């Protein structure tokens, strides 16, 4: 079986800037949960942007879910990202005037192909995710009415709907206190245990590493020392 992520001899920079990521190798197996850590500014979000196909390296191999992103069209990368990659953003990126349910269902409206793997009615699937993430009581509240912890769980449900093969999480607990961080992480990992998607979780908080199969220091992996 091909790995979920295969990066070899990668170099990336923005426009005319100097390279900010140079990686010899980074591989993640299908169904693995990997913790990538490092301080702010070390390139964690950039790495996730590459894995999601938003950015392309200037050199090297970048294969995601069996596709060579370097030789894949932007349209195909967008299709794979919409259908098979769930993205949990650091800033949540919820639509404030939509309610919890509407925010969870939004990816299925933007990318109708996400519905292909859903055997239940869409609202039932969203309600099941909401139940797993302790959101049932706030399903019809506007996003702006939710606590920070609730907003983060809505963001996770939105990333998980449609059963993506790969979920990437960009500092998803940075705005949460210790109690909410632990609760969110346990709920997310319970979903991973049940569905066995591939999970790449990045954070500056090294204390979270013990919850993962494998932890990787991005500054140590990156040939460019910050």
Protein backbone atom coordinates (compact mmCIF):
# COMPACT_ATOMS: atom_id res chain seq x y z
CA UNK A 1 0.00 0.00 0.00
CA UNK A 2 1.29 3.45 -0.91
CA UNK A 3 1.83 5.87 1.97
CA UNK A 4 -0.70 8.61 2.57
CA UNK A 5 2.10 11.19 2.31
CA UNK A 6 5.46 10.78 0.63
CA UNK A 7 7.84 13.74 0.52
CA UNK A 8 11.37 13.34 -0.85
CA UNK A 9 14.09 15.97 -1.39
CA UNK A 10 11.58 18.79 -1.19
CA UNK A 11 12.45 22.48 -1.40
CA UNK A 12 9.88 25.26 -1.10
CA UNK A 13 9.97 29.04 -1.08
CA UNK A 14 7.49 31.86 -1.64
CA UNK A 15 8.05 33.72 -4.93
CA UNK A 16 11.58 35.19 -4.91
CA UNK A 17 12.26 34.53 -1.23
CA UNK A 18 14.88 32.14 0.06
CA UNK A 19 13.72 28.55 0.70
CA UNK A 20 11.95 28.08 4.01
CA UNK A 21 11.50 24.31 3.85
CA UNK A 22 14.05 21.76 2.70
CA UNK A 23 13.09 18.22 3.65
CA UNK A 24 15.01 15.07 2.79
CA UNK A 25 12.11 12.76 3.54
CA UNK A 26 8.76 12.76 5.31
CA UNK A 27 6.45 9.78 5.02
CA UNK A 28 3.14 9.06 6.72
CA UNK A 29 1.45 5.67 6.42
CA UNK A 30 -2.23 5.27 5.65
CA UNK A 31 -4.20 5.36 8.90
CA UNK A 32 -1.28 6.70 10.96
CA UNK A 33 -1.64 9.59 13.41
CA UNK A 34 1.43 11.82 13.41
CA UNK A 35 2.26 14.81 15.58
CA UNK A 36 4.48 17.50 13.99
CA UNK A 37 5.81 20.10 16.39
CA UNK A 38 7.93 23.21 16.37
CA UNK A 39 7.81 26.89 17.39
CA UNK A 40 5.86 29.57 15.57
CA UNK A 41 7.44 30.52 12.26
CA UNK A 42 9.19 27.21 11.62
CA UNK A 43 7.03 26.33 8.60
CA UNK A 44 4.33 24.07 10.07
CA UNK A 45 1.43 25.78 8.27
CA UNK A 46 3.46 25.85 5.05
CA UNK A 47 4.02 22.10 5.32
CA UNK A 48 0.27 21.56 5.68
CA UNK A 49 -0.35 23.84 2.70
CA UNK A 50 1.95 21.61 0.65
CA UNK A 51 0.25 18.43 1.86
CA UNK A 52 -3.13 19.93 0.97
CA UNK A 53 -1.94 20.79 -2.54
CA UNK A 54 -2.40 24.53 -2.00
CA UNK A 55 1.35 25.08 -2.57
CA UNK A 56 3.72 23.16 -4.83
CA UNK A 57 7.43 22.67 -4.13
CA UNK A 58 10.06 24.13 -6.43
CA UNK A 59 11.80 20.77 -6.40
CA UNK A 60 11.38 17.27 -5.03
CA UNK A 61 8.61 14.71 -4.73
CA UNK A 62 5.25 15.47 -3.13
CA UNK A 63 2.84 12.54 -3.25
CA UNK A 64 -0.45 12.64 -1.35
CA UNK A 65 -3.01 9.81 -1.31
CA UNK A 66 -1.20 8.13 -4.18
CA UNK A 67 -1.12 11.20 -6.43
CA UNK A 68 2.04 13.02 -7.50
CA UNK A 69 0.92 16.57 -6.80
CA UNK A 70 3.85 17.93 -8.83
CA UNK A 71 2.37 16.50 -12.04
CA UNK A 72 -1.31 16.85 -11.08
CA UNK A 73 -3.38 19.76 -12.39
CA UNK A 74 -4.65 22.43 -10.01
CA UNK A 75 -8.22 21.34 -10.75
CA UNK A 76 -7.47 17.74 -9.76
CA UNK A 77 -5.65 18.87 -6.61
CA UNK A 78 -8.64 21.04 -5.68
CA UNK A 79 -10.95 18.06 -6.26
CA UNK A 80 -8.87 15.74 -4.05
CA UNK A 81 -8.58 18.40 -1.35
CA UNK A 82 -12.33 18.97 -1.38
CA UNK A 83 -13.29 15.31 -1.35
CA UNK A 84 -10.55 13.47 0.54
CA UNK A 85 -8.75 15.99 2.79
CA UNK A 86 -10.30 17.45 5.93
CA UNK A 87 -8.62 20.64 7.15
CA UNK A 88 -9.00 21.90 10.73
CA UNK A 89 -7.85 25.52 10.75
CA UNK A 90 -6.17 27.32 13.62
CA UNK A 91 -8.65 30.20 13.33
CA UNK A 92 -11.63 27.83 12.79
CA UNK A 93 -12.85 29.71 9.65
CA UNK A 94 -16.50 29.26 10.57
CA UNK A 95 -19.17 31.43 8.90
CA UNK A 96 -20.43 33.48 11.88
CA UNK A 97 -24.01 33.99 10.66
CA UNK A 98 -24.51 30.26 9.90
CA UNK A 99 -25.52 27.90 12.67
CA UNK A 100 -23.56 24.87 13.86
CA UNK A 101 -25.37 22.46 11.52
CA UNK A 102 -24.97 24.72 8.49
CA UNK A 103 -21.24 25.15 9.14
CA UNK A 104 -20.75 21.39 9.42
CA UNK A 105 -22.61 20.80 6.15
CA UNK A 106 -20.83 23.58 4.25
CA UNK A 107 -18.12 21.34 2.66
CA UNK A 108 -20.84 19.13 1.15
CA UNK A 109 -22.36 22.19 -0.50
CA UNK A 110 -19.02 23.49 -1.80
CA UNK A 111 -17.85 20.01 -2.89
CA UNK A 112 -20.89 17.87 -3.75
CA UNK A 113 -18.60 14.82 -4.29
CA UNK A 114 -18.11 14.67 -0.52
CA UNK A 115 -21.62 13.25 -0.31
CA UNK A 116 -20.66 10.18 -2.37
CA UNK A 117 -19.42 8.23 0.67
CA UNK A 118 -22.26 9.27 2.98
CA UNK A 119 -24.89 6.54 3.19
CA UNK A 120 -27.19 8.42 5.59
CA UNK A 121 -29.15 11.62 4.92
CA UNK A 122 -26.74 14.55 5.19
CA UNK A 123 -28.33 16.12 8.26
CA UNK A 124 -28.30 12.74 10.02
CA UNK A 125 -24.59 12.35 9.29
CA UNK A 126 -23.92 15.85 10.63
CA UNK A 127 -26.01 15.14 13.73
CA UNK A 128 -24.01 11.96 14.39
CA UNK A 129 -20.73 13.87 14.20
CA UNK A 130 -22.17 16.58 16.44
CA UNK A 131 -23.16 13.95 18.98
CA UNK A 132 -19.67 12.42 18.93
CA UNK A 133 -18.16 15.88 19.48
CA UNK A 134 -20.63 16.94 22.22
CA UNK A 135 -22.35 19.56 20.07
CA UNK A 136 -25.94 18.25 20.03
CA UNK A 137 -27.26 21.00 22.33
CA UNK A 138 -25.90 23.83 20.16
CA UNK A 139 -26.73 22.55 16.66
CA UNK A 140 -29.00 25.51 15.87
CA UNK A 141 -26.94 28.25 17.50
CA UNK A 142 -25.08 30.69 15.26
CA UNK A 143 -21.33 30.18 15.16
CA UNK A 144 -20.80 33.60 16.75
CA UNK A 145 -22.84 32.47 19.77
CA UNK A 146 -20.62 29.49 20.51
CA UNK A 147 -17.74 29.31 22.99
CA UNK A 148 -14.22 28.98 21.61
CA UNK A 149 -14.17 25.29 22.53
CA UNK A 150 -17.49 24.68 20.77
CA UNK A 151 -16.30 26.55 17.67
CA UNK A 152 -13.24 24.34 17.49
CA UNK A 153 -15.35 21.20 17.70
CA UNK A 154 -17.62 22.50 14.93
CA UNK A 155 -14.49 23.06 12.84
CA UNK A 156 -13.47 19.45 13.50
CA UNK A 157 -16.92 18.12 12.55
CA UNK A 158 -16.81 20.15 9.34
CA UNK A 159 -13.41 18.61 8.50
CA UNK A 160 -14.63 15.08 9.26
CA UNK A 161 -17.91 15.06 7.35
CA UNK A 162 -17.78 12.95 4.21
CA UNK A 163 -15.19 10.54 5.69
CA UNK A 164 -11.99 12.09 4.28
CA UNK A 165 -8.97 9.80 3.95
CA UNK A 166 -6.63 12.45 5.35
CA UNK A 167 -7.24 15.01 8.11
CA UNK A 168 -4.72 17.78 8.74
CA UNK A 169 -4.96 20.00 11.81
CA UNK A 170 -3.13 23.33 12.01
CA UNK A 171 -2.55 24.31 15.66
CA UNK A 172 -6.19 23.46 16.47
CA UNK A 173 -5.76 23.85 20.24
CA UNK A 174 -3.78 27.10 20.29
CA UNK A 175 -6.84 29.14 21.37
CA UNK A 176 -8.02 26.64 23.98
CA UNK A 177 -7.27 26.37 27.69
CA UNK A 178 -5.88 23.15 29.17
CA UNK A 179 -9.27 21.58 29.90
CA UNK A 180 -10.70 22.31 26.46
CA UNK A 181 -7.47 21.23 24.77
CA UNK A 182 -7.63 17.83 26.44
CA UNK A 183 -11.34 17.43 25.70
CA UNK A 184 -10.95 18.39 22.05
CA UNK A 185 -7.97 16.10 21.53
CA UNK A 186 -9.70 13.10 23.12
CA UNK A 187 -12.81 13.63 20.99
CA UNK A 188 -10.76 13.97 17.80
CA UNK A 189 -8.70 10.87 18.57
CA UNK A 190 -11.85 8.90 19.35
CA UNK A 191 -13.01 9.73 15.82
CA UNK A 192 -9.62 8.57 14.50
CA UNK A 193 -9.94 5.28 16.42
CA UNK A 194 -13.34 4.66 14.87
CA UNK A 195 -12.66 5.76 11.29
CA UNK A 196 -8.89 5.25 10.92
CA UNK A 197 -8.29 8.23 8.65
CA UNK A 198 -4.71 9.46 8.39
CA UNK A 199 -4.13 12.33 10.84
CA UNK A 200 -1.37 14.94 10.69
CA UNK A 201 -1.64 17.26 13.69
CA UNK A 202 0.74 20.21 14.07
CA UNK A 203 1.33 22.22 17.22
CA UNK A 204 3.94 24.16 19.14
CA UNK A 205 2.82 22.35 22.33
CA UNK A 206 5.11 19.32 22.65
CA UNK A 207 3.11 18.01 25.63
CA UNK A 208 0.49 16.69 23.19
CA UNK A 209 2.97 14.32 21.53
CA UNK A 210 2.28 11.41 23.90
CA UNK A 211 -1.19 10.97 22.37
CA UNK A 212 0.21 10.09 18.92
CA UNK A 213 1.83 7.08 17.27
CA UNK A 214 4.79 9.17 16.19
CA UNK A 215 6.07 12.68 16.77
CA UNK A 216 8.33 14.66 14.44
CA UNK A 217 10.25 17.88 15.09
CA UNK A 218 9.91 20.04 11.98
CA UNK A 219 12.95 22.21 12.85
CA UNK A 220 15.07 19.06 13.15
CA UNK A 221 13.67 17.65 9.90
CA UNK A 222 14.13 20.92 8.01
CA UNK A 223 17.64 21.41 6.58
CA UNK A 224 17.10 25.16 6.88
CA UNK A 225 17.59 26.00 10.53
CA UNK A 226 15.47 28.85 11.83
